[in-house]
Amino acid sequence: MIATSSRVALPLRFLLGVVLAVLVGLALFFAVMNPPLREMRAMGWFLSITALISVVAGYLLYRLGWIDRTPRLSWMLAGSYALASALTFLNVYVTARLMFASQHDLQLATVLLIFAGGIAMALGYFFSSALTDRIQALNRAAHSIAAGELDVQVPVQGRNEMAQLAATFNGMASQLAQAARSQREAEQLRQELLAWVGHDLRTPLSSIRAIVEALADGLVTDAATQRRYLLTAQRDIQSLSALIDDLFEMSQIGAGGLQLDRHFASLTDLLSDTLESFTALATAKGVSLTGQAGAGVDPVAMDVQKIGRVLGNLIGNAIRHTPPGGLVRVQAMPVGRNVLVEVIDSGEGIPAASLGRVFDQFYRAEESRNRETGGAGLGLAIAKGIVAAHGGEIGVQSEAGAGARFWFVLPRG
């Protein structure tokens, strides 16, 4: 539709331009020469006939596809200058032949017209070559992108349509390069995910298999050992169940299908209940656990269960990574129309190389992935997804050896 409209509008604009040139020529002739009516009428007929010849010649070349059939744009532009020079020569030559009394003057005018036409063609070819050089640069860059060189850029010169095209091309190339980097990162994450899931599933499954085989083969006979084996298997099954639940919830977050049961509730009560549930773990590790909520925090529109999980993930991580004698402090305070929750510990901190990835799925700074010091690496990713589903933001500040500060912000309404 756009191309068809352009093909219709272009000849119409050409016709209007020719008509405007005829009217301007007649107006100048009348203003400068002040001719009698007979000469004015004769000039009108002459300009109209030559204009008609120009229109017919230009339109025929356009309909015959001269623009599309020319192998090089510079040749097409140079041919256009040649046609314009020929039509100019025809107009001026006929006028001079009618008006000049001297044969010498007519010959001189002919030579000057031919010279002027040659200069016009040379100048036109020069500027058209400068234009086609930029087009060829874009063409080479496009071939480079097709060959996989996505970081290619073309120079942006001036402010005309070619400069806008070059800027648009550079923007497209940058987006393609970014998309390629994102694809490589996604592929790397997929490979890491498979490796991490395999590790976190294989370890408890291997333990359960060994326990079941030992019990089935009658290798364990005393009741105390059997009970210890069964408790170990029960713990491993709970670990597998928790991992599967995390994977399911992570898939919901990734697909944008996380369902929230939001209603106004007391964040202070939720914070108090969560701290109480971790008191035994903190005491067993010799870690001091404290918390408080500032005045004006409540109420907050939230899914109590899921925000409780966010708090549990952050507090549990802080306790696990804080040595005996350390401190974990939790606090909530109003910040404008939002509420800020902070979990601050005096643990070993997070290395700078890992700080930007702590919220990635399955990422754990500890390469051994010991289950005693952490889960499958999904807790913080799930926390980020839950906070984002509430329209909030989550982040971390830490230095190696100087503890960590995890925080998240929730809108109240």
Protein backbone atom coordinates (compact mmCIF):
# COMPACT_ATOMS: atom_id res chain seq x y z
CA MET A 1 0.00 0.00 0.00
CA ILE A 2 2.79 2.45 0.86
CA ALA A 3 4.80 1.60 -2.29
CA THR A 4 1.67 1.99 -4.51
CA SER A 5 0.84 5.37 -3.00
CA SER A 6 4.42 6.50 -3.57
CA ARG A 7 4.34 5.44 -7.24
CA VAL A 8 1.15 7.45 -7.74
CA ALA A 9 2.27 10.53 -5.83
CA LEU A 10 5.73 10.83 -7.43
CA PRO A 11 4.57 11.51 -11.06
CA LEU A 12 1.96 13.91 -9.69
CA ARG A 13 4.63 15.88 -7.83
CA PHE A 14 6.74 15.93 -11.01
CA LEU A 15 3.79 17.31 -13.01
CA LEU A 16 3.08 19.98 -10.38
CA GLY A 17 6.75 20.97 -10.41
CA VAL A 18 6.74 21.42 -14.18
CA VAL A 19 3.52 23.46 -14.07
CA LEU A 20 5.03 25.66 -11.35
CA ALA A 21 8.17 26.17 -13.46
CA VAL A 22 6.05 27.28 -16.45
CA LEU A 23 4.07 29.76 -14.34
CA VAL A 24 7.22 31.18 -12.72
CA GLY A 25 8.88 31.51 -16.15
CA LEU A 26 5.91 33.37 -17.58
CA ALA A 27 5.75 35.64 -14.53
CA LEU A 28 9.44 36.52 -14.83
CA PHE A 29 9.09 37.09 -18.59
CA PHE A 30 6.23 39.49 -17.99
CA ALA A 31 7.96 41.27 -15.11
CA VAL A 32 11.30 41.73 -16.87
CA MET A 33 10.32 42.19 -20.52
CA ASN A 34 6.81 43.72 -20.21
CA PRO A 35 5.96 42.16 -23.60
CA PRO A 36 2.86 42.82 -25.66
CA LEU A 37 0.02 40.33 -25.46
CA ARG A 38 1.01 38.60 -28.73
CA GLU A 39 4.55 37.84 -27.49
CA MET A 40 3.20 36.81 -24.08
CA ARG A 41 0.85 34.33 -25.76
CA ALA A 42 3.65 32.99 -27.97
CA MET A 43 5.95 32.53 -24.94
CA GLY A 44 3.16 30.71 -23.11
CA TRP A 45 2.72 28.27 -25.99
CA PHE A 46 6.45 27.74 -26.32
CA LEU A 47 7.00 27.05 -22.62
CA SER A 48 3.95 24.78 -22.51
CA ILE A 49 5.13 22.70 -25.46
CA THR A 50 8.66 22.29 -24.11
CA ALA A 51 7.25 21.51 -20.66
CA LEU A 52 4.98 18.86 -22.21
CA ILE A 53 7.99 17.30 -23.95
CA SER A 54 9.82 17.22 -20.62
CA VAL A 55 6.85 15.65 -18.85
CA VAL A 56 6.36 12.98 -21.52
CA ALA A 57 10.08 12.11 -21.66
CA GLY A 58 10.45 11.94 -17.89
CA TYR A 59 7.27 9.90 -17.37
CA LEU A 60 8.13 7.42 -20.14
CA LEU A 61 11.55 6.80 -18.62
CA TYR A 62 9.93 6.40 -15.22
CA ARG A 63 7.29 3.94 -16.49
CA LEU A 64 9.91 1.94 -18.41
CA GLY A 65 11.72 1.34 -15.10
CA TRP A 66 14.86 3.27 -15.90
CA ILE A 67 15.45 3.76 -12.16
CA ASP A 68 15.15 0.05 -11.44
CA ARG A 69 17.10 -1.20 -14.48
CA THR A 70 20.15 1.00 -14.06
CA PRO A 71 22.95 -1.15 -12.55
CA ARG A 72 24.40 1.73 -10.53
CA LEU A 73 22.70 4.60 -8.80
CA SER A 74 25.41 7.05 -9.88
CA TRP A 75 24.72 6.19 -13.54
CA MET A 76 21.02 6.80 -13.06
CA LEU A 77 21.66 10.18 -11.44
CA ALA A 78 24.19 11.13 -14.11
CA GLY A 79 21.64 10.14 -16.78
CA SER A 80 19.08 12.34 -15.08
CA TYR A 81 21.46 15.28 -15.25
CA ALA A 82 22.11 14.49 -18.92
CA LEU A 83 18.37 14.44 -19.68
CA ALA A 84 17.87 17.70 -17.80
CA SER A 85 20.79 19.27 -19.69
CA ALA A 86 19.37 18.07 -23.03
CA LEU A 87 15.95 19.53 -22.28
CA THR A 88 17.57 22.77 -21.14
CA PHE A 89 19.60 22.87 -24.36
CA LEU A 90 16.44 22.29 -26.41
CA ASN A 91 14.52 25.07 -24.67
CA VAL A 92 17.30 27.66 -24.87
CA TYR A 93 18.43 26.68 -28.37
CA VAL A 94 14.96 27.00 -29.86
CA THR A 95 14.44 30.31 -28.07
CA ALA A 96 17.80 31.63 -29.26
CA ARG A 97 17.12 30.51 -32.83
CA LEU A 98 13.84 32.40 -32.80
CA MET A 99 15.29 35.52 -31.23
CA PHE A 100 18.94 35.83 -32.24
CA ALA A 101 19.57 37.68 -35.48
CA SER A 102 23.27 36.77 -35.63
CA GLN A 103 24.44 33.28 -36.62
CA HIS A 104 27.61 33.93 -34.62
CA ASP A 105 25.61 34.54 -31.45
CA LEU A 106 23.59 31.38 -32.02
CA GLN A 107 26.74 29.29 -32.43
CA LEU A 108 28.27 30.87 -29.35
CA ALA A 109 25.14 30.13 -27.33
CA THR A 110 25.21 26.52 -28.56
CA VAL A 111 28.83 26.05 -27.46
CA LEU A 112 28.12 27.59 -24.06
CA LEU A 113 25.03 25.41 -23.58
CA ILE A 114 26.99 22.25 -24.40
CA PHE A 115 29.75 23.34 -22.04
CA ALA A 116 27.23 24.13 -19.26
CA GLY A 117 25.56 20.75 -19.80
CA GLY A 118 28.89 18.96 -19.47
CA ILE A 119 29.72 20.83 -16.29
CA ALA A 120 26.26 19.99 -14.89
CA MET A 121 26.74 16.29 -15.70
CA ALA A 122 30.23 16.23 -14.16
CA LEU A 123 29.01 17.99 -11.03
CA GLY A 124 26.00 15.70 -10.84
CA TYR A 125 28.18 12.61 -11.18
CA PHE A 126 30.48 13.94 -8.45
CA PHE A 127 27.67 14.45 -5.94
CA SER A 128 25.91 11.23 -6.93
CA SER A 129 29.16 9.31 -6.40
CA ALA A 130 29.49 10.83 -2.94
CA LEU A 131 25.95 9.63 -2.21
CA THR A 132 26.51 6.13 -3.60
CA ASP A 133 29.72 5.81 -1.55
CA ARG A 134 27.62 6.11 1.60
CA ILE A 135 25.09 3.62 0.25
CA GLN A 136 27.90 1.18 -0.53
CA ALA A 137 29.21 1.60 3.01
CA LEU A 138 25.77 0.63 4.30
CA ASN A 139 25.71 -2.30 1.89
CA ARG A 140 29.10 -3.56 3.10
CA ALA A 141 27.98 -3.21 6.71
CA ALA A 142 24.81 -5.17 5.94
CA HIS A 143 26.91 -7.96 4.37
CA SER A 144 29.09 -7.95 7.49
CA ILE A 145 26.02 -8.39 9.70
CA ALA A 146 24.81 -11.21 7.45
CA ALA A 147 28.21 -12.85 7.95
CA GLY A 148 27.82 -12.65 11.73
CA GLU A 149 29.87 -9.51 12.46
CA LEU A 150 27.20 -7.81 14.57
CA ASP A 151 29.42 -5.11 16.10
CA VAL A 152 29.79 -3.25 12.77
CA GLN A 153 28.88 0.46 12.67
CA VAL A 154 28.77 2.97 9.81
CA PRO A 155 29.74 6.65 10.10
CA VAL A 156 26.87 9.12 10.50
CA GLN A 157 27.58 12.25 8.46
CA GLY A 158 25.26 15.22 8.28
CA ARG A 159 21.57 15.44 9.15
CA ASN A 160 19.86 14.38 5.92
CA GLU A 161 17.99 11.17 5.10
CA MET A 162 21.24 9.24 4.53
CA ALA A 163 22.48 10.25 7.98
CA GLN A 164 19.15 9.20 9.49
CA LEU A 165 19.36 5.88 7.64
CA ALA A 166 22.92 5.34 8.93
CA ALA A 167 21.83 6.13 12.50
CA THR A 168 18.88 3.74 12.18
CA PHE A 169 21.19 1.07 10.78
CA ASN A 170 23.61 1.50 13.69
CA GLY A 171 20.73 1.23 16.14
CA MET A 172 19.55 -1.96 14.45
CA ALA A 173 23.07 -3.41 14.52
CA SER A 174 23.42 -2.59 18.21
CA GLN A 175 20.11 -4.27 18.98
CA LEU A 176 21.14 -7.36 17.00
CA ALA A 177 24.46 -7.49 18.87
CA GLN A 178 22.65 -7.16 22.19
CA ALA A 179 20.18 -9.88 21.18
CA ALA A 180 23.06 -12.16 20.23
CA ARG A 181 24.77 -11.54 23.57
CA SER A 182 21.51 -12.22 25.40
CA GLN A 183 21.09 -15.44 23.44
CA ARG A 184 24.60 -16.57 24.35
CA GLU A 185 23.98 -15.72 28.00
CA ALA A 186 20.66 -17.60 27.91
CA GLU A 187 22.37 -20.63 26.38
CA GLN A 188 25.09 -20.52 29.01
CA LEU A 189 22.45 -20.19 31.74
CA ARG A 190 20.55 -23.15 30.27
CA GLN A 191 23.68 -25.30 30.35
CA GLU A 192 24.45 -24.20 33.91
CA LEU A 193 20.83 -24.85 34.92
CA LEU A 194 20.99 -28.41 33.60
CA ALA A 195 24.25 -29.02 35.43
CA TRP A 196 22.98 -27.50 38.68
CA VAL A 197 19.63 -29.28 38.61
CA GLY A 198 21.41 -32.54 37.85
CA HIS A 199 23.71 -32.02 40.84
CA ASP A 200 20.94 -31.00 43.25
CA LEU A 201 18.73 -33.91 42.20
CA ARG A 202 21.44 -36.55 41.95
CA THR A 203 22.89 -36.00 45.44
CA PRO A 204 19.73 -36.74 47.50
CA LEU A 205 18.61 -39.43 45.07
CA SER A 206 21.94 -41.23 45.42
CA SER A 207 21.63 -41.04 49.21
CA ILE A 208 18.06 -42.38 49.18
CA ARG A 209 19.03 -45.17 46.79
CA ALA A 210 21.93 -46.26 49.00
CA ILE A 211 19.73 -46.23 52.11
CA VAL A 212 16.91 -48.19 50.45
CA GLU A 213 19.32 -50.78 49.03
CA ALA A 214 21.02 -51.21 52.42
CA LEU A 215 17.69 -51.73 54.16
CA ALA A 216 16.35 -54.00 51.43
CA ASP A 217 19.48 -56.19 51.46
CA GLY A 218 19.33 -56.55 55.23
CA LEU A 219 22.70 -54.89 55.76
CA VAL A 220 21.30 -52.86 58.66
CA THR A 221 19.74 -54.90 61.44
CA ASP A 222 19.67 -52.83 64.61
CA ALA A 223 16.66 -50.58 65.13
CA ALA A 224 18.64 -47.44 65.99
CA THR A 225 20.63 -47.54 62.76
CA GLN A 226 17.52 -48.27 60.73
CA ARG A 227 15.77 -45.29 62.30
CA ARG A 228 18.79 -43.06 61.55
CA TYR A 229 18.79 -44.26 57.93
CA LEU A 230 15.06 -43.59 57.61
CA LEU A 231 15.43 -40.09 59.06
CA THR A 232 18.21 -39.39 56.57
CA ALA A 233 16.02 -40.63 53.71
CA GLN A 234 13.15 -38.52 55.02
CA ARG A 235 15.40 -35.42 55.04
CA ASP A 236 16.56 -36.14 51.50
CA ILE A 237 12.97 -36.59 50.32
CA GLN A 238 12.02 -33.26 51.91
CA SER A 239 14.98 -31.68 50.13
CA LEU A 240 13.81 -33.11 46.79
CA SER A 241 10.25 -31.96 47.46
CA ALA A 242 11.43 -28.44 48.30
CA LEU A 243 13.56 -28.32 45.16
CA ILE A 244 10.64 -29.44 42.98
CA ASP A 245 8.38 -26.85 44.61
CA ASP A 246 11.01 -24.18 43.97
CA LEU A 247 11.34 -25.24 40.34
CA PHE A 248 7.57 -25.09 39.89
CA GLU A 249 7.35 -21.64 41.47
CA MET A 250 10.33 -20.42 39.45
CA SER A 251 8.65 -21.62 36.25
CA GLN A 252 5.51 -19.69 37.23
CA ILE A 253 7.55 -16.55 37.85
CA GLY A 254 9.38 -16.94 34.54
CA ALA A 255 6.11 -17.40 32.66
CA GLY A 256 4.48 -14.43 34.39
CA GLY A 257 1.86 -16.71 35.95
CA LEU A 258 2.62 -16.15 39.63
CA GLN A 259 -0.72 -15.78 41.41
CA LEU A 260 -0.86 -13.35 44.34
CA ASP A 261 -3.46 -13.18 47.09
CA ARG A 262 -2.91 -9.54 47.99
CA HIS A 263 -4.73 -7.86 50.81
CA PHE A 264 -3.90 -5.28 53.46
CA ALA A 265 -2.07 -6.94 56.35
CA SER A 266 0.38 -6.16 59.13
CA LEU A 267 4.01 -6.35 58.02
CA THR A 268 5.01 -5.92 61.68
CA ASP A 269 3.22 -9.14 62.66
CA LEU A 270 4.68 -11.01 59.68
CA LEU A 271 8.17 -9.83 60.61
CA SER A 272 7.68 -10.89 64.24
CA ASP A 273 6.40 -14.36 63.26
CA THR A 274 9.28 -14.91 60.83
CA LEU A 275 11.89 -13.90 63.40
CA GLU A 276 10.34 -16.26 65.92
CA SER A 277 10.50 -19.17 63.48
CA PHE A 278 14.25 -18.61 62.99
CA THR A 279 15.11 -18.11 66.65
CA ALA A 280 16.02 -21.77 67.19
CA LEU A 281 18.33 -21.84 64.13
CA ALA A 282 20.02 -18.60 65.19
CA THR A 283 20.52 -19.87 68.74
CA ALA A 284 21.96 -23.17 67.51
CA LYS A 285 24.51 -21.26 65.42
CA GLY A 286 25.30 -18.76 68.18
CA VAL A 287 24.03 -15.84 66.11
CA SER A 288 22.16 -12.92 67.64
CA LEU A 289 18.89 -12.29 65.74
CA THR A 290 17.01 -9.01 66.27
CA GLY A 291 14.34 -7.07 64.44
CA GLN A 292 12.00 -4.13 64.62
CA ALA A 293 9.41 -2.30 62.54
CA GLY A 294 9.16 1.47 62.55
CA ALA A 295 5.99 3.39 63.26
CA GLY A 296 3.68 3.85 60.31
CA VAL A 297 4.74 0.72 58.44
CA ASP A 298 1.34 -0.97 58.49
CA PRO A 299 -0.82 -1.80 56.69
CA VAL A 300 0.74 -3.10 53.46
CA ALA A 301 -1.10 -4.66 50.50
CA MET A 302 0.74 -7.96 50.05
CA ASP A 303 0.48 -11.71 49.71
CA VAL A 304 1.38 -12.57 53.29
CA GLN A 305 2.55 -16.11 52.54
CA LYS A 306 4.82 -15.10 49.66
CA ILE A 307 6.31 -12.05 51.39
CA GLY A 308 6.87 -14.33 54.38
CA ARG A 309 8.83 -16.58 52.05
CA VAL A 310 10.94 -13.61 50.90
CA LEU A 311 11.71 -12.74 54.53
CA GLY A 312 12.47 -16.39 55.31
CA ASN A 313 14.88 -16.71 52.38
CA LEU A 314 16.76 -13.54 53.30
CA ILE A 315 16.91 -14.22 57.06
CA GLY A 316 17.82 -17.88 56.56
CA ASN A 317 20.67 -16.94 54.19
CA ALA A 318 21.92 -14.30 56.62
CA ILE A 319 22.02 -16.76 59.55
CA ARG A 320 23.78 -19.46 57.50
CA HIS A 321 26.48 -17.06 56.36
CA THR A 322 27.08 -15.38 59.73
CA PRO A 323 29.70 -16.98 62.01
CA PRO A 324 29.02 -17.70 65.72
CA GLY A 325 28.97 -14.52 67.76
CA GLY A 326 27.72 -12.52 64.77
CA LEU A 327 24.59 -10.43 64.40
CA VAL A 328 21.61 -10.50 62.02
CA ARG A 329 19.38 -7.44 62.19
CA VAL A 330 16.02 -7.07 60.42
CA GLN A 331 14.19 -3.76 60.22
CA ALA A 332 11.26 -2.24 58.35
CA MET A 333 10.48 1.43 57.89
CA PRO A 334 8.14 3.60 55.80
CA VAL A 335 9.67 5.46 52.86
CA GLY A 336 7.12 7.76 51.28
CA ARG A 337 4.35 5.62 49.81
CA ASN A 338 6.50 2.51 50.09
CA VAL A 339 7.93 0.37 52.85
CA LEU A 340 11.61 -0.62 53.06
CA VAL A 341 12.71 -3.92 54.64
CA GLU A 342 16.39 -4.58 55.37
CA VAL A 343 18.20 -7.77 56.46
CA ILE A 344 21.72 -6.89 57.63
CA ASP A 345 24.29 -9.43 58.80
CA SER A 346 27.90 -9.38 60.02
CA GLY A 347 28.90 -12.44 58.02
CA GLU A 348 31.65 -13.06 55.48
CA GLY A 349 30.01 -10.87 52.85
CA ILE A 350 29.73 -11.50 49.13
CA PRO A 351 32.71 -11.35 46.73
CA ALA A 352 32.54 -8.59 44.14
CA ALA A 353 32.57 -11.16 41.32
CA SER A 354 29.41 -12.77 42.69
CA LEU A 355 27.53 -9.65 43.76
CA GLY A 356 25.86 -9.12 40.39
CA ARG A 357 24.63 -12.71 40.13
CA VAL A 358 23.21 -13.48 43.57
CA PHE A 359 19.64 -13.18 42.26
CA ASP A 360 20.26 -15.46 39.24
CA GLN A 361 18.57 -18.81 39.13
CA PHE A 362 20.64 -21.67 40.58
CA TYR A 363 23.59 -19.39 41.25
CA ARG A 364 25.64 -20.02 44.40
CA ALA A 365 28.97 -18.41 45.11
CA GLU A 366 30.10 -21.61 46.82
CA GLU A 367 31.18 -23.87 43.95
CA SER A 368 30.95 -27.08 45.98
CA ARG A 369 27.19 -26.45 46.47
CA ASN A 370 27.24 -28.03 49.92
CA ARG A 371 23.64 -28.53 51.08
CA GLU A 372 24.67 -27.72 54.61
CA THR A 373 25.51 -24.14 53.66
CA GLY A 374 22.70 -23.41 51.27
CA GLY A 375 19.87 -24.70 49.06
CA ALA A 376 19.66 -25.14 45.33
CA GLY A 377 20.34 -21.49 44.57
CA LEU A 378 16.72 -20.62 43.83
CA GLY A 379 15.75 -18.80 47.03
CA LEU A 380 16.97 -15.35 46.06
CA ALA A 381 15.71 -15.71 42.47
CA ILE A 382 12.25 -16.60 43.81
CA ALA A 383 12.42 -13.70 46.28
CA LYS A 384 13.21 -11.34 43.41
CA GLY A 385 10.29 -12.68 41.37
CA ILE A 386 7.85 -12.34 44.27
CA VAL A 387 8.91 -8.77 45.05
CA ALA A 388 8.71 -7.84 41.34
CA ALA A 389 5.20 -9.34 41.15
CA HIS A 390 4.23 -6.97 43.97
CA GLY A 391 5.56 -4.04 41.95
CA GLY A 392 8.58 -3.64 44.23
CA GLU A 393 12.34 -3.81 43.98
CA ILE A 394 15.02 -5.92 45.65
CA GLY A 395 18.77 -5.46 45.94
CA VAL A 396 21.96 -6.15 47.87
CA GLN A 397 24.99 -4.24 49.13
CA SER A 398 28.03 -6.12 50.37
CA GLU A 399 31.81 -6.32 50.52
CA ALA A 400 33.86 -9.44 51.08
CA GLY A 401 34.52 -9.79 54.83
CA ALA A 402 32.21 -6.89 55.76
CA GLY A 403 28.78 -8.53 55.93
CA ALA A 404 25.83 -8.00 53.61
CA ARG A 405 22.70 -5.85 53.46
CA PHE A 406 19.75 -7.27 51.54
CA TRP A 407 16.78 -4.98 51.08
CA PHE A 408 13.46 -4.85 49.28
CA VAL A 409 10.87 -2.14 48.78
CA LEU A 410 7.12 -2.75 48.51
CA PRO A 411 4.39 -0.29 47.59
CA ARG A 412 1.87 0.03 50.39
CA GLY A 413 -1.20 0.02 48.20
